[in-house]
Amino acid sequence: MVKLYNADASPNCFRVRAVINELGLDVELVEVDLSGKTPKPPGFLDVSPGGKVPAFVDDDGFTLFESRAIAAYLASKRPERGLYPDDPKRRAMVDQWSYWQAIHLGPAMQSVAFERVVKAKWGMGAPDEATVKSKLAEVEKFMPVLERGLEGKEWLAGTLTLADFAVASTFPLRKPAGISVTPNVQRWIERVEALPSWQRALPKYMAELVR
């Protein structure tokens, strides 16, 4: 049986679950307690030696960790869906936006959301306002890059791809975190959030906060 070691609240698992849903794949979710209060599932550390989620096991025993690598591998199982295009230029665009999110926009947005929303949700103390100020400045610098990338397009690489799932995965808490988005970005994120695959994958605590 194909397995994904999963934690509902993890944004990295979230993006992989959305891709699984979009592709219509049959994958068993094996829940991992990130609090450390319960033992890790059998075999989990063999797949993910660093103890991080998500981690993936295919039905032939092939294993992967790192969400973007897992998503790309899963997309290769349904190439007709075009989530990871065969055309080298469009595939490079998908990689470009996925890496950009991982290195630039994603960490900045996640930091603001953690300080302003996640800490309060889980009783982790007051937000660090210096961190919020610094990371909001980064978000404001990066958001115009995404705005320009979406000019005249509905999706980042022309059609729905892994790039959209990757970049959108740090947007769900933008409103409670007080993060403003630009017009093209707003229209794009609303398209992503309307996808049934996205709605089904959304972490429970995020769904409660954004209702």
C-alpha atoms as a PDB file:
ATOM      1  CA  MET A   1       0.000   0.000   0.000  1.00  0.00           C
ATOM      2  CA  VAL A   2       1.244   3.484  -0.862  1.00  0.00           C
ATOM      3  CA  LYS A   3       1.783   5.509   2.333  1.00  0.00           C
ATOM      4  CA  LEU A   4       2.332   9.122   3.314  1.00  0.00           C
ATOM      5  CA  TYR A   5       3.584   9.771   6.814  1.00  0.00           C
ATOM      6  CA  ASN A   6       1.539  12.848   7.579  1.00  0.00           C
ATOM      7  CA  ALA A   7       0.802  15.522  10.171  1.00  0.00           C
ATOM      8  CA  ASP A   8      -2.398  17.444   9.521  1.00  0.00           C
ATOM      9  CA  ALA A   9      -1.056  20.812  10.710  1.00  0.00           C
ATOM     10  CA  SER A  10       2.158  20.698   8.679  1.00  0.00           C
ATOM     11  CA  PRO A  11       2.139  23.034   5.633  1.00  0.00           C
ATOM     12  CA  ASN A  12       4.606  20.678   3.953  1.00  0.00           C
ATOM     13  CA  CYS A  13       2.192  17.763   4.328  1.00  0.00           C
ATOM     14  CA  PHE A  14      -0.685  20.027   3.324  1.00  0.00           C
ATOM     15  CA  ARG A  15       0.770  20.726  -0.113  1.00  0.00           C
ATOM     16  CA  VAL A  16       1.425  17.029  -0.728  1.00  0.00           C
ATOM     17  CA  ARG A  17      -2.102  16.063   0.337  1.00  0.00           C
ATOM     18  CA  ALA A  18      -3.514  18.654  -2.069  1.00  0.00           C
ATOM     19  CA  VAL A  19      -1.481  17.154  -4.916  1.00  0.00           C
ATOM     20  CA  ILE A  20      -2.607  13.640  -3.984  1.00  0.00           C
ATOM     21  CA  ASN A  21      -6.225  14.819  -4.043  1.00  0.00           C
ATOM     22  CA  GLU A  22      -5.806  16.634  -7.357  1.00  0.00           C
ATOM     23  CA  LEU A  23      -4.301  13.519  -8.942  1.00  0.00           C
ATOM     24  CA  GLY A  24      -6.940  11.219  -7.470  1.00  0.00           C
ATOM     25  CA  LEU A  25      -4.352   8.844  -6.023  1.00  0.00           C
ATOM     26  CA  ASP A  26      -5.078   6.204  -3.394  1.00  0.00           C
ATOM     27  CA  VAL A  27      -2.597   6.899  -0.596  1.00  0.00           C
ATOM     28  CA  GLU A  28      -2.817   5.771   3.026  1.00  0.00           C
ATOM     29  CA  LEU A  29      -2.126   8.617   5.467  1.00  0.00           C
ATOM     30  CA  VAL A  30      -0.126   7.491   8.494  1.00  0.00           C
ATOM     31  CA  GLU A  31      -0.383  10.129  11.192  1.00  0.00           C
ATOM     32  CA  VAL A  32       2.777  11.254  12.998  1.00  0.00           C
ATOM     33  CA  ASP A  33       2.523  13.053  16.352  1.00  0.00           C
ATOM     34  CA  LEU A  34       4.874  16.030  16.077  1.00  0.00           C
ATOM     35  CA  SER A  35       4.572  16.847  19.780  1.00  0.00           C
ATOM     36  CA  GLY A  36       6.760  13.888  20.717  1.00  0.00           C
ATOM     37  CA  LYS A  37       4.196  12.695  23.277  1.00  0.00           C
ATOM     38  CA  THR A  38       3.582   9.412  21.472  1.00  0.00           C
ATOM     39  CA  PRO A  39       6.012   7.041  19.736  1.00  0.00           C
ATOM     40  CA  LYS A  40       6.668   7.473  16.046  1.00  0.00           C
ATOM     41  CA  PRO A  41       4.874   4.969  13.769  1.00  0.00           C
ATOM     42  CA  PRO A  42       6.795   1.790  12.923  1.00  0.00           C
ATOM     43  CA  GLY A  43       9.086   2.269   9.962  1.00  0.00           C
ATOM     44  CA  PHE A  44       8.798   6.057   9.934  1.00  0.00           C
ATOM     45  CA  LEU A  45      12.425   6.797  10.825  1.00  0.00           C
ATOM     46  CA  ASP A  46      13.592   4.307   8.195  1.00  0.00           C
ATOM     47  CA  VAL A  47      11.865   6.459   5.590  1.00  0.00           C
ATOM     48  CA  SER A  48      12.672   9.829   7.136  1.00  0.00           C
ATOM     49  CA  PRO A  49      15.900   9.542   9.164  1.00  0.00           C
ATOM     50  CA  GLY A  50      15.606  13.180  10.231  1.00  0.00           C
ATOM     51  CA  GLY A  51      12.190  12.523  11.736  1.00  0.00           C
ATOM     52  CA  LYS A  52      10.463  15.099   9.527  1.00  0.00           C
ATOM     53  CA  VAL A  53       7.155  14.876   7.683  1.00  0.00           C
ATOM     54  CA  PRO A  54       6.024  14.254   5.048  1.00  0.00           C
ATOM     55  CA  ALA A  55       7.674  10.983   4.132  1.00  0.00           C
ATOM     56  CA  PHE A  56       6.502   8.666   1.388  1.00  0.00           C
ATOM     57  CA  VAL A  57       6.556   4.928   0.685  1.00  0.00           C
ATOM     58  CA  ASP A  58       5.490   3.589  -2.705  1.00  0.00           C
ATOM     59  CA  ASP A  59       3.958   0.153  -3.159  1.00  0.00           C
ATOM     60  CA  ASP A  60       7.299  -1.234  -4.399  1.00  0.00           C
ATOM     61  CA  GLY A  61       9.128   0.001  -1.283  1.00  0.00           C
ATOM     62  CA  PHE A  62      10.626   3.128  -2.878  1.00  0.00           C
ATOM     63  CA  THR A  63      10.872   5.923  -0.301  1.00  0.00           C
ATOM     64  CA  LEU A  64      11.200   9.694  -0.360  1.00  0.00           C
ATOM     65  CA  PHE A  65      11.261  12.606   2.034  1.00  0.00           C
ATOM     66  CA  GLU A  66      10.953  16.356   1.239  1.00  0.00           C
ATOM     67  CA  SER A  67       7.535  17.571   0.130  1.00  0.00           C
ATOM     68  CA  ARG A  68       8.501  18.982  -3.261  1.00  0.00           C
ATOM     69  CA  ALA A  69      10.326  15.807  -4.259  1.00  0.00           C
ATOM     70  CA  ILE A  70       7.331  13.725  -3.175  1.00  0.00           C
ATOM     71  CA  ALA A  71       4.908  15.944  -5.094  1.00  0.00           C
ATOM     72  CA  ALA A  72       7.002  15.744  -8.275  1.00  0.00           C
ATOM     73  CA  TYR A  73       7.234  11.962  -8.019  1.00  0.00           C
ATOM     74  CA  LEU A  74       3.484  11.647  -7.486  1.00  0.00           C
ATOM     75  CA  ALA A  75       2.789  13.904 -10.464  1.00  0.00           C
ATOM     76  CA  SER A  76       4.888  11.556 -12.625  1.00  0.00           C
ATOM     77  CA  LYS A  77       2.360   8.809 -11.893  1.00  0.00           C
ATOM     78  CA  ARG A  78      -0.353  10.780 -13.699  1.00  0.00           C
ATOM     79  CA  PRO A  79       1.569  12.656 -16.420  1.00  0.00           C
ATOM     80  CA  GLU A  80      -1.628  13.258 -18.370  1.00  0.00           C
ATOM     81  CA  ARG A  81      -2.722  15.702 -15.644  1.00  0.00           C
ATOM     82  CA  GLY A  82       0.202  17.999 -16.446  1.00  0.00           C
ATOM     83  CA  LEU A  83       1.000  19.007 -12.873  1.00  0.00           C
ATOM     84  CA  TYR A  84       4.712  18.581 -13.628  1.00  0.00           C
ATOM     85  CA  PRO A  85       4.874  19.292 -17.375  1.00  0.00           C
ATOM     86  CA  ASP A  86       7.050  17.288 -19.762  1.00  0.00           C
ATOM     87  CA  ASP A  87       8.004  20.427 -21.692  1.00  0.00           C
ATOM     88  CA  PRO A  88      11.411  21.441 -20.278  1.00  0.00           C
ATOM     89  CA  LYS A  89      10.664  25.165 -20.244  1.00  0.00           C
ATOM     90  CA  ARG A  90       7.347  24.812 -18.422  1.00  0.00           C
ATOM     91  CA  ARG A  91       8.884  22.299 -16.023  1.00  0.00           C
ATOM     92  CA  ALA A  92      11.677  24.791 -15.330  1.00  0.00           C
ATOM     93  CA  MET A  93       9.028  27.413 -14.539  1.00  0.00           C
ATOM     94  CA  VAL A  94       7.413  25.033 -12.058  1.00  0.00           C
ATOM     95  CA  ASP A  95      10.786  24.444 -10.414  1.00  0.00           C
ATOM     96  CA  GLN A  96      11.544  28.160 -10.405  1.00  0.00           C
ATOM     97  CA  TRP A  97       8.401  29.067  -8.469  1.00  0.00           C
ATOM     98  CA  SER A  98       8.622  26.065  -6.151  1.00  0.00           C
ATOM     99  CA  TYR A  99      12.209  26.905  -5.171  1.00  0.00           C
ATOM    100  CA  TRP A 100      11.371  30.601  -4.870  1.00  0.00           C
ATOM    101  CA  GLN A 101       8.580  29.812  -2.446  1.00  0.00           C
ATOM    102  CA  ALA A 102      10.808  27.497  -0.428  1.00  0.00           C
ATOM    103  CA  ILE A 103      13.621  30.024  -0.076  1.00  0.00           C
ATOM    104  CA  HIS A 104      11.964  33.446  -0.150  1.00  0.00           C
ATOM    105  CA  LEU A 105       8.222  34.009   0.214  1.00  0.00           C
ATOM    106  CA  GLY A 106       7.364  30.851   2.158  1.00  0.00           C
ATOM    107  CA  PRO A 107       9.660  31.328   5.178  1.00  0.00           C
ATOM    108  CA  ALA A 108       8.704  34.996   5.494  1.00  0.00           C
ATOM    109  CA  MET A 109       4.940  34.388   5.379  1.00  0.00           C
ATOM    110  CA  GLN A 110       5.168  31.384   7.669  1.00  0.00           C
ATOM    111  CA  SER A 111       7.092  33.397  10.254  1.00  0.00           C
ATOM    112  CA  VAL A 112       4.451  36.130  10.335  1.00  0.00           C
ATOM    113  CA  ALA A 113       1.630  33.583  10.555  1.00  0.00           C
ATOM    114  CA  PHE A 114       3.450  31.704  13.316  1.00  0.00           C
ATOM    115  CA  GLU A 115       3.980  34.826  15.405  1.00  0.00           C
ATOM    116  CA  ARG A 116       0.532  36.337  14.906  1.00  0.00           C
ATOM    117  CA  VAL A 117      -1.710  33.276  14.627  1.00  0.00           C
ATOM    118  CA  VAL A 118      -0.122  29.937  15.512  1.00  0.00           C
ATOM    119  CA  LYS A 119       1.335  31.074  18.836  1.00  0.00           C
ATOM    120  CA  ALA A 120      -2.064  32.265  20.036  1.00  0.00           C
ATOM    121  CA  LYS A 121      -3.812  29.142  18.745  1.00  0.00           C
ATOM    122  CA  TRP A 122      -1.507  26.795  20.661  1.00  0.00           C
ATOM    123  CA  GLY A 123      -0.822  28.966  23.741  1.00  0.00           C
ATOM    124  CA  MET A 124       2.811  29.631  22.865  1.00  0.00           C
ATOM    125  CA  GLY A 125       3.038  33.169  24.191  1.00  0.00           C
ATOM    126  CA  ALA A 126       2.986  36.645  22.705  1.00  0.00           C
ATOM    127  CA  PRO A 127       4.193  37.400  19.184  1.00  0.00           C
ATOM    128  CA  ASP A 128       7.733  38.644  18.708  1.00  0.00           C
ATOM    129  CA  GLU A 129       6.985  42.028  17.166  1.00  0.00           C
ATOM    130  CA  ALA A 130      10.547  42.534  15.937  1.00  0.00           C
ATOM    131  CA  THR A 131      10.316  39.292  13.980  1.00  0.00           C
ATOM    132  CA  VAL A 132       6.893  40.266  12.626  1.00  0.00           C
ATOM    133  CA  LYS A 133       8.188  43.635  11.431  1.00  0.00           C
ATOM    134  CA  SER A 134      11.260  42.118   9.793  1.00  0.00           C
ATOM    135  CA  LYS A 135       9.383  39.308   8.049  1.00  0.00           C
ATOM    136  CA  LEU A 136       6.532  41.552   6.899  1.00  0.00           C
ATOM    137  CA  ALA A 137       9.134  43.719   5.190  1.00  0.00           C
ATOM    138  CA  GLU A 138      10.367  40.607   3.368  1.00  0.00           C
ATOM    139  CA  VAL A 139       6.825  39.669   2.336  1.00  0.00           C
ATOM    140  CA  GLU A 140       6.265  43.174   0.970  1.00  0.00           C
ATOM    141  CA  LYS A 141       9.462  42.845  -1.047  1.00  0.00           C
ATOM    142  CA  PHE A 142       8.586  39.422  -2.461  1.00  0.00           C
ATOM    143  CA  MET A 143       4.855  39.887  -3.146  1.00  0.00           C
ATOM    144  CA  PRO A 144       5.424  42.137  -6.219  1.00  0.00           C
ATOM    145  CA  VAL A 145       7.507  39.338  -7.757  1.00  0.00           C
ATOM    146  CA  LEU A 146       4.516  37.019  -7.568  1.00  0.00           C
ATOM    147  CA  GLU A 147       2.179  39.780  -8.754  1.00  0.00           C
ATOM    148  CA  ARG A 148       4.287  40.282 -11.862  1.00  0.00           C
ATOM    149  CA  GLY A 149       4.612  36.514 -12.420  1.00  0.00           C
ATOM    150  CA  LEU A 150       0.818  36.237 -12.570  1.00  0.00           C
ATOM    151  CA  GLU A 151       0.322  39.126 -14.978  1.00  0.00           C
ATOM    152  CA  GLY A 152      -2.101  37.985 -17.699  1.00  0.00           C
ATOM    153  CA  LYS A 153      -2.208  34.421 -16.331  1.00  0.00           C
ATOM    154  CA  GLU A 154      -4.591  32.347 -14.256  1.00  0.00           C
ATOM    155  CA  TRP A 155      -1.855  29.962 -13.083  1.00  0.00           C
ATOM    156  CA  LEU A 156       1.875  30.405 -12.543  1.00  0.00           C
ATOM    157  CA  ALA A 157       2.990  28.121 -15.379  1.00  0.00           C
ATOM    158  CA  GLY A 158       0.002  28.722 -17.656  1.00  0.00           C
ATOM    159  CA  THR A 159      -2.083  25.797 -16.396  1.00  0.00           C
ATOM    160  CA  LEU A 160      -2.511  24.358 -12.913  1.00  0.00           C
ATOM    161  CA  THR A 161       0.786  22.781 -11.815  1.00  0.00           C
ATOM    162  CA  LEU A 162       2.788  21.871  -8.737  1.00  0.00           C
ATOM    163  CA  ALA A 163       3.992  25.474  -8.675  1.00  0.00           C
ATOM    164  CA  ASP A 164       0.536  26.704  -7.699  1.00  0.00           C
ATOM    165  CA  PHE A 165       0.238  24.199  -4.871  1.00  0.00           C
ATOM    166  CA  ALA A 166       3.740  24.978  -3.624  1.00  0.00           C
ATOM    167  CA  VAL A 167       3.417  28.750  -3.611  1.00  0.00           C
ATOM    168  CA  ALA A 168      -0.158  28.800  -2.300  1.00  0.00           C
ATOM    169  CA  SER A 169       0.597  26.551   0.660  1.00  0.00           C
ATOM    170  CA  THR A 170       1.698  29.442   2.885  1.00  0.00           C
ATOM    171  CA  PHE A 171      -1.299  31.674   2.065  1.00  0.00           C
ATOM    172  CA  PRO A 172      -4.214  30.190   4.076  1.00  0.00           C
ATOM    173  CA  LEU A 173      -3.499  32.237   7.227  1.00  0.00           C
ATOM    174  CA  ARG A 174      -2.824  35.508   5.403  1.00  0.00           C
ATOM    175  CA  LYS A 175      -6.010  37.213   6.654  1.00  0.00           C
ATOM    176  CA  PRO A 176      -5.738  36.382  10.376  1.00  0.00           C
ATOM    177  CA  ALA A 177      -2.009  37.166  10.123  1.00  0.00           C
ATOM    178  CA  GLY A 178      -2.737  40.575   8.572  1.00  0.00           C
ATOM    179  CA  ILE A 179      -0.788  39.945   5.367  1.00  0.00           C
ATOM    180  CA  SER A 180      -1.974  41.982   2.398  1.00  0.00           C
ATOM    181  CA  VAL A 181      -1.886  40.593  -1.146  1.00  0.00           C
ATOM    182  CA  THR A 182      -1.865  42.342  -4.513  1.00  0.00           C
ATOM    183  CA  PRO A 183      -4.701  42.100  -7.104  1.00  0.00           C
ATOM    184  CA  ASN A 184      -3.337  39.357  -9.387  1.00  0.00           C
ATOM    185  CA  VAL A 185      -2.261  37.356  -6.352  1.00  0.00           C
ATOM    186  CA  GLN A 186      -5.710  37.745  -4.782  1.00  0.00           C
ATOM    187  CA  ARG A 187      -7.473  36.432  -7.884  1.00  0.00           C
ATOM    188  CA  TRP A 188      -5.003  33.554  -8.180  1.00  0.00           C
ATOM    189  CA  ILE A 189      -5.198  32.434  -4.542  1.00  0.00           C
ATOM    190  CA  GLU A 190      -8.994  32.468  -4.731  1.00  0.00           C
ATOM    191  CA  ARG A 191      -8.763  30.097  -7.729  1.00  0.00           C
ATOM    192  CA  VAL A 192      -6.490  27.764  -5.790  1.00  0.00           C
ATOM    193  CA  GLU A 193      -8.680  27.858  -2.698  1.00  0.00           C
ATOM    194  CA  ALA A 194     -11.746  26.988  -4.784  1.00  0.00           C
ATOM    195  CA  LEU A 195     -10.190  23.687  -5.862  1.00  0.00           C
ATOM    196  CA  PRO A 196     -11.901  20.710  -4.152  1.00  0.00           C
ATOM    197  CA  SER A 197      -8.477  19.063  -3.823  1.00  0.00           C
ATOM    198  CA  TRP A 198      -7.253  22.076  -1.852  1.00  0.00           C
ATOM    199  CA  GLN A 199     -10.308  22.306   0.372  1.00  0.00           C
ATOM    200  CA  ARG A 200     -10.060  18.624   1.306  1.00  0.00           C
ATOM    201  CA  ALA A 201      -6.366  18.943   2.166  1.00  0.00           C
ATOM    202  CA  LEU A 202      -6.612  22.093   4.292  1.00  0.00           C
ATOM    203  CA  PRO A 203      -5.411  21.466   7.862  1.00  0.00           C
ATOM    204  CA  LYS A 204      -8.287  21.383  10.334  1.00  0.00           C
ATOM    205  CA  TYR A 205      -6.987  24.221  12.482  1.00  0.00           C
ATOM    206  CA  MET A 206      -6.522  26.444   9.420  1.00  0.00           C
ATOM    207  CA  ALA A 207     -10.047  25.686   8.216  1.00  0.00           C
ATOM    208  CA  GLU A 208     -11.396  26.732  11.623  1.00  0.00           C
ATOM    209  CA  LEU A 209      -9.391  29.959  11.661  1.00  0.00           C
ATOM    210  CA  VAL A 210     -10.328  31.102   8.163  1.00  0.00           C
ATOM    211  CA  ARG A 211     -14.059  30.374   8.340  1.00  0.00           C
END
